[in-house]
Amino acid sequence: MKARLSSAIEAENGRSFVAVIPDIKCVSPKEGDLLRGRNPVDTAKALVCYGAPVLSVVTETERFGGSPELLRDIAKTVDVPILRKDFITSVDALSETAELGASSVLLICAIMDEATLGTLYEKSMMLGLEAFVEVCTAKEMELAKKLGARVIGVNNRNITTLELDDGGPSRTATLADGMPAGSLLVSESGILSVEDAKLAASCGANAVLVGTALWQAEDMEAMYRSLRIERGGVHCGQP
């Protein structure tokens, strides 16, 4: 039995580090092919060896080049919790997620109404999946708070346009003060440098989810290790 995603993040925080969650993403709608001949399962295994406490696996096929089979293969290969990233909008997709071996599932506020989100949140818990609730506005943060979400991700880019914009961790900084007490904050997308990771951390982020920057780095291991920064500092918005 794999650990819960939240527990893995907290364990990394307990070692005084921001958790770095690599995003196993084959294609970026903005940057194109990210694999460049690499095997994503082998790369996922290597990232765990570098210290990744959690993996994110994109399973959307048409625009991101993923697949449910990729998630299944990775889940069989590594022992860390796995987040399934896709445009999940049905209970059937949640059941499939659990069967594939994921520990957590992405629920995106921007692509569904409040009633559907609430239904999927409850069903995910019944299936033993930890809901990773993604927000990009203050209104959506309030909705995540209403749900009682344990893990909340701030998408620094616009998922409704397939993250083709140039958003960065400043959005995390804007929304961080609205985080409910006791929840874990993950800064997603647009984390391209150590400076970006430090900004997210200074605003209270418990973790950063990084995809393209890792895949495009000349040395993925060195890039991963550089992003694993110490937590601490002053929370954004406070003197």
Protein backbone atom coordinates (compact mmCIF):
# COMPACT_ATOMS: atom_id res chain seq x y z
CA MET A 1 0.00 0.00 0.00
CA LYS A 2 1.47 3.35 -1.09
CA ALA A 3 1.51 6.26 1.36
CA ARG A 4 -1.00 9.07 0.97
CA LEU A 5 0.11 12.01 -1.13
CA SER A 6 -0.44 14.42 1.76
CA SER A 7 1.62 12.24 4.10
CA ALA A 8 4.50 12.15 1.62
CA ILE A 9 4.46 15.94 1.28
CA GLU A 10 4.36 16.37 5.06
CA ALA A 11 7.27 13.97 5.48
CA GLU A 12 9.37 16.04 3.08
CA ASN A 13 8.33 19.22 4.89
CA GLY A 14 9.33 17.51 8.13
CA ARG A 15 12.83 17.23 6.68
CA SER A 16 12.63 21.03 6.19
CA PHE A 17 12.26 20.87 2.40
CA VAL A 18 9.60 21.92 -0.06
CA ALA A 19 8.35 18.75 -1.75
CA VAL A 20 9.17 18.69 -5.47
CA ILE A 21 6.55 16.74 -7.43
CA PRO A 22 7.78 15.82 -10.93
CA ASP A 23 5.11 15.86 -13.62
CA ILE A 24 5.42 12.90 -16.01
CA LYS A 25 4.12 14.67 -19.11
CA CYS A 26 4.94 13.42 -22.59
CA VAL A 27 3.81 16.46 -24.58
CA SER A 28 3.38 20.12 -23.71
CA PRO A 29 0.81 21.98 -25.85
CA LYS A 30 3.16 24.97 -25.63
CA GLU A 31 6.61 23.32 -25.92
CA GLY A 32 5.83 20.17 -27.92
CA ASP A 33 7.50 16.79 -27.40
CA LEU A 34 9.10 16.57 -23.97
CA LEU A 35 10.28 12.97 -24.02
CA ARG A 36 12.75 13.39 -26.89
CA GLY A 37 13.15 9.64 -27.11
CA ARG A 38 13.20 8.98 -23.38
CA ASN A 39 11.10 6.27 -21.78
CA PRO A 40 8.65 7.92 -19.34
CA VAL A 41 8.49 4.88 -17.05
CA ASP A 42 12.27 4.70 -16.76
CA THR A 43 12.39 8.45 -16.17
CA ALA A 44 9.76 8.21 -13.44
CA LYS A 45 11.82 5.53 -11.72
CA ALA A 46 14.94 7.70 -11.97
CA LEU A 47 13.14 10.70 -10.47
CA VAL A 48 12.15 8.63 -7.46
CA CYS A 49 15.80 7.64 -7.10
CA TYR A 50 16.70 11.35 -7.15
CA GLY A 51 14.38 11.81 -4.15
CA ALA A 52 10.91 12.57 -5.51
CA PRO A 53 8.42 11.78 -2.72
CA VAL A 54 5.43 11.94 -5.07
CA LEU A 55 4.90 11.66 -8.83
CA SER A 56 2.26 13.28 -11.01
CA VAL A 57 1.30 11.41 -14.18
CA VAL A 58 -0.64 13.11 -16.99
CA THR A 59 -2.97 10.62 -18.65
CA GLU A 60 -4.76 12.90 -21.13
CA THR A 61 -3.99 11.50 -24.59
CA GLU A 62 -4.99 13.95 -27.32
CA ARG A 63 -3.12 17.07 -26.21
CA PHE A 64 -0.64 15.86 -23.58
CA GLY A 65 0.38 12.49 -25.01
CA GLY A 66 -0.39 10.49 -21.88
CA SER A 67 -2.52 7.40 -21.32
CA PRO A 68 -4.11 5.38 -18.53
CA GLU A 69 -1.69 2.59 -19.41
CA LEU A 70 1.25 4.88 -18.68
CA LEU A 71 -0.11 5.49 -15.19
CA ARG A 72 -0.60 1.77 -14.62
CA ASP A 73 2.95 0.99 -15.74
CA ILE A 74 4.46 3.66 -13.50
CA ALA A 75 2.35 2.61 -10.52
CA LYS A 76 3.72 -0.91 -10.88
CA THR A 77 7.29 0.39 -11.00
CA VAL A 78 7.54 2.89 -8.12
CA ASP A 79 6.47 2.87 -4.47
CA VAL A 80 5.69 6.57 -4.02
CA PRO A 81 2.17 8.05 -4.17
CA ILE A 82 0.97 8.96 -7.65
CA LEU A 83 -1.36 11.81 -8.63
CA ARG A 84 -3.42 11.24 -11.77
CA LYS A 85 -3.62 14.46 -13.79
CA ASP A 86 -6.41 14.56 -16.35
CA PHE A 87 -9.68 16.33 -17.02
CA ILE A 88 -11.69 14.16 -14.65
CA THR A 89 -15.43 14.89 -14.71
CA SER A 90 -17.16 11.57 -14.03
CA VAL A 91 -17.48 8.95 -11.31
CA ASP A 92 -16.45 6.27 -13.82
CA ALA A 93 -13.15 8.09 -14.35
CA LEU A 94 -12.57 8.05 -10.60
CA SER A 95 -13.14 4.30 -10.45
CA GLU A 96 -10.68 3.85 -13.31
CA THR A 97 -8.15 6.03 -11.48
CA ALA A 98 -8.27 3.81 -8.42
CA GLU A 99 -7.96 0.67 -10.53
CA LEU A 100 -4.88 2.08 -12.29
CA GLY A 101 -3.02 2.37 -9.00
CA ALA A 102 -3.12 6.11 -8.36
CA SER A 103 -3.16 7.42 -4.80
CA SER A 104 -4.67 10.80 -5.66
CA VAL A 105 -6.76 12.40 -8.38
CA LEU A 106 -6.81 15.92 -9.79
CA LEU A 107 -10.17 17.70 -9.53
CA ILE A 108 -10.12 21.00 -11.45
CA CYS A 109 -12.58 23.62 -10.21
CA ALA A 110 -12.47 25.50 -13.52
CA ILE A 111 -13.94 22.67 -15.61
CA MET A 112 -17.00 21.69 -13.58
CA ASP A 113 -19.84 23.15 -11.56
CA GLU A 114 -19.93 23.12 -7.78
CA ALA A 115 -22.38 20.23 -7.55
CA THR A 116 -20.29 17.97 -9.78
CA LEU A 117 -17.13 18.89 -7.92
CA GLY A 118 -18.75 18.04 -4.61
CA THR A 119 -19.98 14.69 -5.91
CA LEU A 120 -16.55 13.74 -7.27
CA TYR A 121 -14.82 14.88 -4.10
CA GLU A 122 -17.01 12.65 -1.96
CA LYS A 123 -16.73 9.70 -4.33
CA SER A 124 -12.95 9.97 -4.47
CA MET A 125 -12.76 9.61 -0.70
CA MET A 126 -15.06 6.58 -0.82
CA LEU A 127 -12.66 4.98 -3.31
CA GLY A 128 -9.62 5.69 -1.16
CA LEU A 129 -8.35 8.42 -3.46
CA GLU A 130 -7.05 11.67 -2.02
CA ALA A 131 -8.58 14.59 -3.91
CA PHE A 132 -6.09 17.16 -5.19
CA VAL A 133 -8.32 20.20 -5.72
CA GLU A 134 -6.98 22.69 -8.26
CA VAL A 135 -7.87 26.38 -8.09
CA CYS A 136 -6.87 29.48 -10.01
CA THR A 137 -9.10 32.20 -8.49
CA ALA A 138 -10.05 33.42 -5.02
CA LYS A 139 -13.61 32.18 -5.62
CA GLU A 140 -12.33 28.70 -6.39
CA MET A 141 -10.13 28.80 -3.29
CA GLU A 142 -13.28 29.44 -1.24
CA LEU A 143 -14.90 26.45 -2.91
CA ALA A 144 -11.93 24.24 -2.04
CA LYS A 145 -12.19 25.48 1.54
CA LYS A 146 -15.91 24.66 1.59
CA LEU A 147 -15.14 21.11 0.46
CA GLY A 148 -12.61 20.69 3.25
CA ALA A 149 -9.86 19.87 0.74
CA ARG A 150 -6.68 18.59 2.38
CA VAL A 151 -4.50 19.24 -0.68
CA ILE A 152 -5.04 22.36 -2.78
CA GLY A 153 -3.08 23.17 -5.91
CA VAL A 154 -2.85 26.66 -7.37
CA ASN A 155 -2.42 26.42 -11.13
CA ASN A 156 -0.24 29.37 -12.08
CA ARG A 157 -1.37 29.06 -15.68
CA ASN A 158 -4.75 28.94 -17.42
CA ILE A 159 -5.76 25.29 -17.76
CA THR A 160 -8.80 26.22 -19.88
CA THR A 161 -6.39 27.34 -22.63
CA LEU A 162 -4.12 24.32 -22.05
CA GLU A 163 -1.56 26.38 -20.10
CA LEU A 164 -0.35 28.22 -23.18
CA ASP A 165 0.12 31.46 -21.22
CA ASP A 166 3.23 32.55 -19.34
CA GLY A 167 1.84 32.50 -15.80
CA GLY A 168 4.20 31.93 -12.88
CA PRO A 169 4.20 31.56 -9.09
CA SER A 170 2.94 35.11 -8.59
CA ARG A 171 -0.57 33.60 -8.77
CA THR A 172 0.31 31.33 -5.87
CA ALA A 173 1.46 34.42 -4.00
CA THR A 174 -1.85 36.14 -4.72
CA LEU A 175 -4.02 33.27 -3.50
CA ALA A 176 -1.91 31.89 -0.64
CA ASP A 177 -3.50 34.04 2.07
CA GLY A 178 -6.85 32.44 1.29
CA MET A 179 -5.60 28.94 2.12
CA PRO A 180 -7.65 27.16 4.78
CA ALA A 181 -5.81 26.25 7.97
CA GLY A 182 -4.49 22.71 7.99
CA SER A 183 -4.46 22.27 4.21
CA LEU A 184 -1.38 21.72 2.07
CA LEU A 185 -0.60 24.21 -0.71
CA VAL A 186 0.95 23.05 -3.99
CA SER A 187 2.17 25.57 -6.56
CA GLU A 188 1.62 24.09 -10.03
CA SER A 189 2.95 25.05 -13.46
CA GLY A 190 5.25 27.91 -14.34
CA ILE A 191 7.95 26.76 -11.89
CA LEU A 192 10.91 27.20 -14.21
CA SER A 193 13.77 28.08 -11.87
CA VAL A 194 15.07 27.99 -8.32
CA GLU A 195 13.84 31.57 -7.94
CA ASP A 196 10.31 30.49 -8.86
CA ALA A 197 10.43 27.68 -6.29
CA LYS A 198 11.71 30.09 -3.63
CA LEU A 199 8.87 32.53 -4.36
CA ALA A 200 6.29 29.77 -4.03
CA ALA A 201 7.90 28.57 -0.80
CA SER A 202 8.04 32.07 0.67
CA CYS A 203 4.27 32.26 0.20
CA GLY A 204 3.70 29.10 2.18
CA ALA A 205 3.74 26.42 -0.52
CA ASN A 206 4.33 22.96 0.88
CA ALA A 207 5.19 21.61 -2.56
CA VAL A 208 5.87 22.62 -6.14
CA LEU A 209 4.71 20.56 -9.12
CA VAL A 210 7.20 20.82 -11.96
CA GLY A 211 7.03 19.36 -15.44
CA THR A 212 8.45 21.16 -18.46
CA ALA A 213 11.46 22.65 -16.63
CA LEU A 214 12.62 19.18 -15.61
CA TRP A 215 12.11 17.63 -19.03
CA GLN A 216 13.92 20.47 -20.81
CA ALA A 217 16.87 20.61 -18.39
CA GLU A 218 20.25 19.47 -19.68
CA ASP A 219 20.69 17.52 -16.44
CA MET A 220 17.33 16.44 -15.00
CA GLU A 221 18.82 15.18 -11.75
CA ALA A 222 20.69 18.43 -11.11
CA MET A 223 17.55 20.45 -11.92
CA TYR A 224 15.44 18.33 -9.60
CA ARG A 225 17.89 18.68 -6.73
CA SER A 226 18.19 22.44 -7.23
CA LEU A 227 14.43 22.87 -6.81
CA ARG A 228 14.40 20.96 -3.50
CA ILE A 229 14.83 24.07 -1.41
CA GLU A 230 14.50 24.57 2.32
CA ARG A 231 11.17 25.78 3.65
CA GLY A 232 10.86 28.86 5.81
CA GLY A 233 10.84 32.58 5.45
CA VAL A 234 8.08 35.14 5.78
CA HIS A 235 4.64 34.31 4.44
CA CYS A 236 3.52 36.61 1.61
CA GLY A 237 1.37 39.44 2.79
CA GLN A 238 2.81 39.51 6.29
CA PRO A 239 5.43 41.95 7.67
